[in-house]
PDB file of N, CA and C in Angstrom:
ATOM      1  N   GLY A   1       1.343 -12.742  26.057  1.00  0.00           N
ATOM      2  CA  GLY A   1       1.712 -11.715  26.954  1.00  0.00           C
ATOM      3  C   GLY A   1       1.891 -10.387  26.235  1.00  0.00           C
ATOM      4  N   VAL A   2       2.712  -9.590  26.842  1.00  0.00           N
ATOM      5  CA  VAL A   2       2.955  -8.237  26.356  1.00  0.00           C
ATOM      6  C   VAL A   2       3.645  -8.256  25.000  1.00  0.00           C
ATOM      7  N   HIS A   3       4.577  -9.193  24.801  1.00  0.00           N
ATOM      8  CA  HIS A   3       5.303  -9.250  23.527  1.00  0.00           C
ATOM      9  C   HIS A   3       4.346  -9.535  22.366  1.00  0.00           C
ATOM     10  N   ARG A   4       3.306 -10.314  22.604  1.00  0.00           N
ATOM     11  CA  ARG A   4       2.324 -10.601  21.561  1.00  0.00           C
ATOM     12  C   ARG A   4       1.514  -9.348  21.228  1.00  0.00           C
ATOM     13  N   GLN A   5       1.156  -8.569  22.239  1.00  0.00           N
ATOM     14  CA  GLN A   5       0.406  -7.334  22.007  1.00  0.00           C
ATOM     15  C   GLN A   5       1.242  -6.323  21.229  1.00  0.00           C
ATOM     16  N   ILE A   6       2.510  -6.230  21.567  1.00  0.00           N
ATOM     17  CA  ILE A   6       3.408  -5.321  20.843  1.00  0.00           C
ATOM     18  C   ILE A   6       3.555  -5.774  19.393  1.00  0.00           C
ATOM     19  N   LEU A   7       3.706  -7.073  19.185  1.00  0.00           N
ATOM     20  CA  LEU A   7       3.829  -7.605  17.830  1.00  0.00           C
ATOM     21  C   LEU A   7       2.570  -7.338  17.021  1.00  0.00           C
ATOM     22  N   LEU A   8       1.405  -7.592  17.581  1.00  0.00           N
ATOM     23  CA  LEU A   8       0.148  -7.369  16.860  1.00  0.00           C
ATOM     24  C   LEU A   8      -0.091  -5.883  16.601  1.00  0.00           C
ATOM     25  N   ALA A   9       0.280  -5.022  17.538  1.00  0.00           N
ATOM     26  CA  ALA A   9       0.147  -3.584  17.327  1.00  0.00           C
ATOM     27  C   ALA A   9       1.056  -3.131  16.188  1.00  0.00           C
ATOM     28  N   THR A  10       2.266  -3.663  16.132  1.00  0.00           N
ATOM     29  CA  THR A  10       3.202  -3.324  15.061  1.00  0.00           C
ATOM     30  C   THR A  10       2.671  -3.803  13.711  1.00  0.00           C
ATOM     31  N   VAL A  11       2.169  -5.036  13.674  1.00  0.00           N
ATOM     32  CA  VAL A  11       1.611  -5.578  12.427  1.00  0.00           C
ATOM     33  C   VAL A  11       0.395  -4.765  12.005  1.00  0.00           C
ATOM     34  N   GLY A  12      -0.444  -4.383  12.970  1.00  0.00           N
ATOM     35  CA  GLY A  12      -1.629  -3.574  12.656  1.00  0.00           C
ATOM     36  C   GLY A  12      -1.251  -2.217  12.092  1.00  0.00           C
ATOM     37  N   CYS A  13      -0.244  -1.592  12.659  1.00  0.00           N
ATOM     38  CA  CYS A  13       0.214  -0.299  12.139  1.00  0.00           C
ATOM     39  C   CYS A  13       0.758  -0.446  10.724  1.00  0.00           C
ATOM     40  N   PHE A  14       1.523  -1.488  10.483  1.00  0.00           N
ATOM     41  CA  PHE A  14       2.087  -1.712   9.158  1.00  0.00           C
ATOM     42  C   PHE A  14       0.991  -1.959   8.125  1.00  0.00           C
ATOM     43  N   VAL A  15       0.031  -2.828   8.455  1.00  0.00           N
ATOM     44  CA  VAL A  15      -1.060  -3.124   7.529  1.00  0.00           C
ATOM     45  C   VAL A  15      -1.911  -1.879   7.290  1.00  0.00           C
ATOM     46  N   GLY A  16      -2.193  -1.117   8.346  1.00  0.00           N
ATOM     47  CA  GLY A  16      -2.957   0.117   8.199  1.00  0.00           C
ATOM     48  C   GLY A  16      -2.252   1.120   7.314  1.00  0.00           C
ATOM     49  N   TYR A  17      -0.948   1.262   7.491  1.00  0.00           N
ATOM     50  CA  TYR A  17      -0.172   2.177   6.659  1.00  0.00           C
ATOM     51  C   TYR A  17      -0.229   1.763   5.193  1.00  0.00           C
ATOM     52  N   GLN A  18      -0.093   0.478   4.938  1.00  0.00           N
ATOM     53  CA  GLN A  18      -0.137  -0.007   3.552  1.00  0.00           C
ATOM     54  C   GLN A  18      -1.516   0.212   2.932  1.00  0.00           C
ATOM     55  N   LEU A  19      -2.582  -0.009   3.707  1.00  0.00           N
ATOM     56  CA  LEU A  19      -3.935   0.211   3.190  1.00  0.00           C
ATOM     57  C   LEU A  19      -4.182   1.683   2.878  1.00  0.00           C
ATOM     58  N   VAL A  20      -3.735   2.562   3.746  1.00  0.00           N
ATOM     59  CA  VAL A  20      -3.901   3.999   3.501  1.00  0.00           C
ATOM     60  C   VAL A  20      -3.119   4.412   2.264  1.00  0.00           C
ATOM     61  N   LYS A  21      -1.899   3.901   2.142  1.00  0.00           N
ATOM     62  CA  LYS A  21      -1.070   4.225   0.981  1.00  0.00           C
ATOM     63  C   LYS A  21      -1.731   3.753  -0.312  1.00  0.00           C
ATOM     64  N   HIS A  22      -2.319   2.565  -0.275  1.00  0.00           N
ATOM     65  CA  HIS A  22      -2.977   2.007  -1.461  1.00  0.00           C
ATOM     66  C   HIS A  22      -4.216   2.820  -1.829  1.00  0.00           C
ATOM     67  N   THR A  23      -5.034   3.201  -0.849  1.00  0.00           N
ATOM     68  CA  THR A  23      -6.239   3.978  -1.159  1.00  0.00           C
ATOM     69  C   THR A  23      -5.873   5.365  -1.676  1.00  0.00           C
ATOM     70  N   GLU A  24      -4.830   5.991  -1.115  1.00  0.00           N
ATOM     71  CA  GLU A  24      -4.398   7.291  -1.621  1.00  0.00           C
ATOM     72  C   GLU A  24      -3.896   7.172  -3.056  1.00  0.00           C
ATOM     73  N   TYR A  25      -3.212   6.090  -3.381  1.00  0.00           N
ATOM     74  CA  TYR A  25      -2.754   5.869  -4.749  1.00  0.00           C
ATOM     75  C   TYR A  25      -3.940   5.727  -5.700  1.00  0.00           C
ATOM     76  N   LYS A  26      -4.956   4.958  -5.280  1.00  0.00           N
ATOM     77  CA  LYS A  26      -6.129   4.780  -6.140  1.00  0.00           C
ATOM     78  C   LYS A  26      -6.845   6.104  -6.378  1.00  0.00           C
ATOM     79  N   HIS A  27      -7.015   6.901  -5.323  1.00  0.00           N
ATOM     80  CA  HIS A  27      -7.685   8.187  -5.484  1.00  0.00           C
ATOM     81  C   HIS A  27      -6.859   9.141  -6.347  1.00  0.00           C
ATOM     82  N   ALA A  28      -5.549   9.123  -6.195  1.00  0.00           N
ATOM     83  CA  ALA A  28      -4.688   9.977  -7.014  1.00  0.00           C
ATOM     84  C   ALA A  28      -4.761   9.567  -8.478  1.00  0.00           C
ATOM     85  N   ARG A  29      -4.835   8.268  -8.731  1.00  0.00           N
ATOM     86  CA  ARG A  29      -4.933   7.793 -10.117  1.00  0.00           C
ATOM     87  C   ARG A  29      -6.248   8.227 -10.747  1.00  0.00           C
ATOM     88  N   VAL A  30      -7.350   8.124  -9.999  1.00  0.00           N
ATOM     89  CA  VAL A  30      -8.650   8.552 -10.516  1.00  0.00           C
ATOM     90  C   VAL A  30      -8.646  10.058 -10.767  1.00  0.00           C
ATOM     91  N   ASP A  31      -8.080  10.830  -9.836  1.00  0.00           N
ATOM     92  CA  ASP A  31      -8.000  12.274 -10.023  1.00  0.00           C
ATOM     93  C   ASP A  31      -7.191  12.624 -11.264  1.00  0.00           C
ATOM     94  N   ARG A  32      -6.068  11.936 -11.456  1.00  0.00           N
ATOM     95  CA  ARG A  32      -5.227  12.204 -12.625  1.00  0.00           C
ATOM     96  C   ARG A  32      -5.985  11.920 -13.912  1.00  0.00           C
ATOM     97  N   GLU A  33      -6.744  10.805 -13.952  1.00  0.00           N
ATOM     98  CA  GLU A  33      -7.510  10.471 -15.151  1.00  0.00           C
ATOM     99  C   GLU A  33      -8.614  11.493 -15.399  1.00  0.00           C
ATOM    100  N   LEU A  34      -9.292  11.929 -14.341  1.00  0.00           N
ATOM    101  CA  LEU A  34     -10.363  12.916 -14.513  1.00  0.00           C
ATOM    102  C   LEU A  34      -9.816  14.260 -14.981  1.00  0.00           C
ATOM    103  N   PHE A  35      -8.705  14.715 -14.398  1.00  0.00           N
ATOM    104  CA  PHE A  35      -8.126  15.985 -14.825  1.00  0.00           C
ATOM    105  C   PHE A  35      -7.600  15.906 -16.254  1.00  0.00           C
ATOM    106  N   GLU A  36      -7.093  14.762 -16.631  1.00  0.00           N
ATOM    107  CA  GLU A  36      -6.637  14.578 -18.015  1.00  0.00           C
ATOM    108  C   GLU A  36      -7.827  14.636 -18.969  1.00  0.00           C
ATOM    109  N   TYR A  37      -8.941  14.025 -18.589  1.00  0.00           N
ATOM    110  CA  TYR A  37     -10.153  14.082 -19.406  1.00  0.00           C
ATOM    111  C   TYR A  37     -10.650  15.520 -19.514  1.00  0.00           C
ATOM    112  N   MET A  38     -10.622  16.229 -18.393  1.00  0.00           N
ATOM    113  CA  MET A  38     -11.063  17.627 -18.408  1.00  0.00           C
ATOM    114  C   MET A  38     -10.151  18.483 -19.283  1.00  0.00           C
ATOM    115  N   ARG A  39      -8.868  18.168 -19.291  1.00  0.00           N
ATOM    116  CA  ARG A  39      -7.928  18.937 -20.111  1.00  0.00           C
ATOM    117  C   ARG A  39      -8.159  18.686 -21.600  1.00  0.00           C
ATOM    118  N   HIS A  40      -8.557  17.458 -21.952  1.00  0.00           N
ATOM    119  CA  HIS A  40      -8.778  17.128 -23.348  1.00  0.00           C
ATOM    120  C   HIS A  40     -10.168  17.530 -23.843  1.00  0.00           C
ATOM    121  N   HIS A  41     -11.114  17.747 -22.933  1.00  0.00           N
ATOM    122  CA  HIS A  41     -12.485  18.111 -23.315  1.00  0.00           C
ATOM    123  C   HIS A  41     -12.923  19.380 -22.571  1.00  0.00           C
ATOM    124  N   PRO A  42     -12.314  20.522 -22.870  1.00  0.00           N
ATOM    125  CA  PRO A  42     -12.651  21.741 -22.124  1.00  0.00           C
ATOM    126  C   PRO A  42     -14.065  22.248 -22.409  1.00  0.00           C
ATOM    127  N   VAL A  43     -14.653  21.869 -23.530  1.00  0.00           N
ATOM    128  CA  VAL A  43     -15.997  22.342 -23.871  1.00  0.00           C
ATOM    129  C   VAL A  43     -17.024  21.793 -22.881  1.00  0.00           C
ATOM    130  N   ASP A  44     -16.822  20.579 -22.409  1.00  0.00           N
ATOM    131  CA  ASP A  44     -17.765  19.962 -21.484  1.00  0.00           C
ATOM    132  C   ASP A  44     -17.699  20.580 -20.088  1.00  0.00           C
ATOM    133  N   PHE A  45     -16.620  21.275 -19.763  1.00  0.00           N
ATOM    134  CA  PHE A  45     -16.410  21.776 -18.409  1.00  0.00           C
ATOM    135  C   PHE A  45     -16.194  23.287 -18.398  1.00  0.00           C
ATOM    136  N   HIS A  46     -16.985  24.018 -19.158  1.00  0.00           N
ATOM    137  CA  HIS A  46     -16.835  25.471 -19.180  1.00  0.00           C
ATOM    138  C   HIS A  46     -17.379  26.064 -17.883  1.00  0.00           C
ATOM    139  N   SER A  47     -16.770  27.151 -17.458  1.00  0.00           N
ATOM    140  CA  SER A  47     -17.212  27.794 -16.221  1.00  0.00           C
ATOM    141  C   SER A  47     -18.417  28.675 -16.524  1.00  0.00           C
ATOM    142  N   PRO A  48     -19.333  28.794 -15.595  1.00  0.00           N
ATOM    143  CA  PRO A  48     -20.507  29.630 -15.838  1.00  0.00           C
ATOM    144  C   PRO A  48     -20.110  31.090 -16.010  1.00  0.00           C
ATOM    145  N   ALA A  49     -20.830  31.799 -16.859  1.00  0.00           N
ATOM    146  CA  ALA A  49     -20.480  33.186 -17.151  1.00  0.00           C
ATOM    147  C   ALA A  49     -20.701  34.065 -15.924  1.00  0.00           C
ATOM    148  N   GLU A  50     -21.745  33.794 -15.171  1.00  0.00           N
ATOM    149  CA  GLU A  50     -22.057  34.620 -14.016  1.00  0.00           C
ATOM    150  C   GLU A  50     -22.325  33.728 -12.814  1.00  0.00           C
ATOM    151  N   LYS A  51     -21.690  34.016 -11.717  1.00  0.00           N
ATOM    152  CA  LYS A  51     -21.924  33.233 -10.515  1.00  0.00           C
ATOM    153  C   LYS A  51     -23.223  33.682  -9.872  1.00  0.00           C
ATOM    154  N   LYS A  52     -24.016  32.713  -9.426  1.00  0.00           N
ATOM    155  CA  LYS A  52     -25.264  33.034  -8.756  1.00  0.00           C
ATOM    156  C   LYS A  52     -25.007  33.193  -7.266  1.00  0.00           C
ATOM    157  N   ARG A  53     -25.718  34.104  -6.669  1.00  0.00           N
ATOM    158  CA  ARG A  53     -25.626  34.299  -5.235  1.00  0.00           C
ATOM    159  C   ARG A  53     -26.567  33.317  -4.551  1.00  0.00           C
ATOM    160  N   ILE A  54     -26.362  33.103  -3.267  1.00  0.00           N
ATOM    161  CA  ILE A  54     -27.157  32.135  -2.526  1.00  0.00           C
ATOM    162  C   ILE A  54     -28.626  32.555  -2.489  1.00  0.00           C
ATOM    163  N   GLY A  55     -28.901  33.839  -2.483  1.00  0.00           N
ATOM    164  CA  GLY A  55     -30.282  34.319  -2.491  1.00  0.00           C
ATOM    165  C   GLY A  55     -31.009  34.000  -3.785  1.00  0.00           C
ATOM    166  N   GLN A  56     -30.288  33.887  -4.880  1.00  0.00           N
ATOM    167  CA  GLN A  56     -30.899  33.548  -6.160  1.00  0.00           C
ATOM    168  C   GLN A  56     -31.190  32.052  -6.254  1.00  0.00           C
ATOM    169  N   LEU A  57     -30.471  31.237  -5.494  1.00  0.00           N
ATOM    170  CA  LEU A  57     -30.660  29.797  -5.551  1.00  0.00           C
ATOM    171  C   LEU A  57     -31.801  29.327  -4.659  1.00  0.00           C
ATOM    172  N   LEU A  58     -32.023  30.009  -3.534  1.00  0.00           N
ATOM    173  CA  LEU A  58     -33.033  29.587  -2.578  1.00  0.00           C
ATOM    174  C   LEU A  58     -34.363  30.268  -2.867  1.00  0.00           C
ATOM    175  N   GLU A  59     -35.454  29.598  -2.510  1.00  0.00           N
ATOM    176  CA  GLU A  59     -36.784  30.187  -2.654  1.00  0.00           C
ATOM    177  C   GLU A  59     -37.025  31.170  -1.523  1.00  0.00           C
ATOM    178  N   ASP A  60     -37.913  32.114  -1.756  1.00  0.00           N
ATOM    179  CA  ASP A  60     -38.262  33.075  -0.717  1.00  0.00           C
ATOM    180  C   ASP A  60     -38.980  32.367   0.418  1.00  0.00           C
ATOM    181  N   PHE A  61     -38.747  32.814   1.624  1.00  0.00           N
ATOM    182  CA  PHE A  61     -39.373  32.204   2.803  1.00  0.00           C
ATOM    183  C   PHE A  61     -40.631  32.982   3.155  1.00  0.00           C
ATOM    184  N   HIS A  62     -41.751  32.279   3.216  1.00  0.00           N
ATOM    185  CA  HIS A  62     -43.025  32.865   3.610  1.00  0.00           C
ATOM    186  C   HIS A  62     -43.555  32.076   4.798  1.00  0.00           C
ATOM    187  N   PRO A  63     -43.634  32.697   5.980  1.00  0.00           N
ATOM    188  CA  PRO A  63     -44.121  31.962   7.144  1.00  0.00           C
ATOM    189  C   PRO A  63     -45.598  31.581   6.971  1.00  0.00           C
ATOM    190  N   VAL A  64     -46.004  30.477   7.593  1.00  0.00           N
ATOM    191  CA  VAL A  64     -47.349  29.945   7.422  1.00  0.00           C
ATOM    192  C   VAL A  64     -48.369  30.717   8.260  1.00  0.00           C
ATOM    193  N   ARG A  65     -48.011  31.234   9.414  1.00  0.00           N
ATOM    194  CA  ARG A  65     -48.993  31.873  10.276  1.00  0.00           C
ATOM    195  C   ARG A  65     -49.501  33.132   9.753  1.00  0.00           C
TER     196      ARG A  65
END
């Protein structure tokens, strides 16, 4: 009956919350490791001297007709 639906909805919310919490923890751990690597190896992650504009990245458009 209704009590079973309420119980399953509650269990589903709890399990969903735990899964989201676990995935956020995993992503935070990976981010922390990557930022730590970047901090220890700044030569590998130097910023470009000059930013390119979008027009420099794309090829010129020439219509076919």
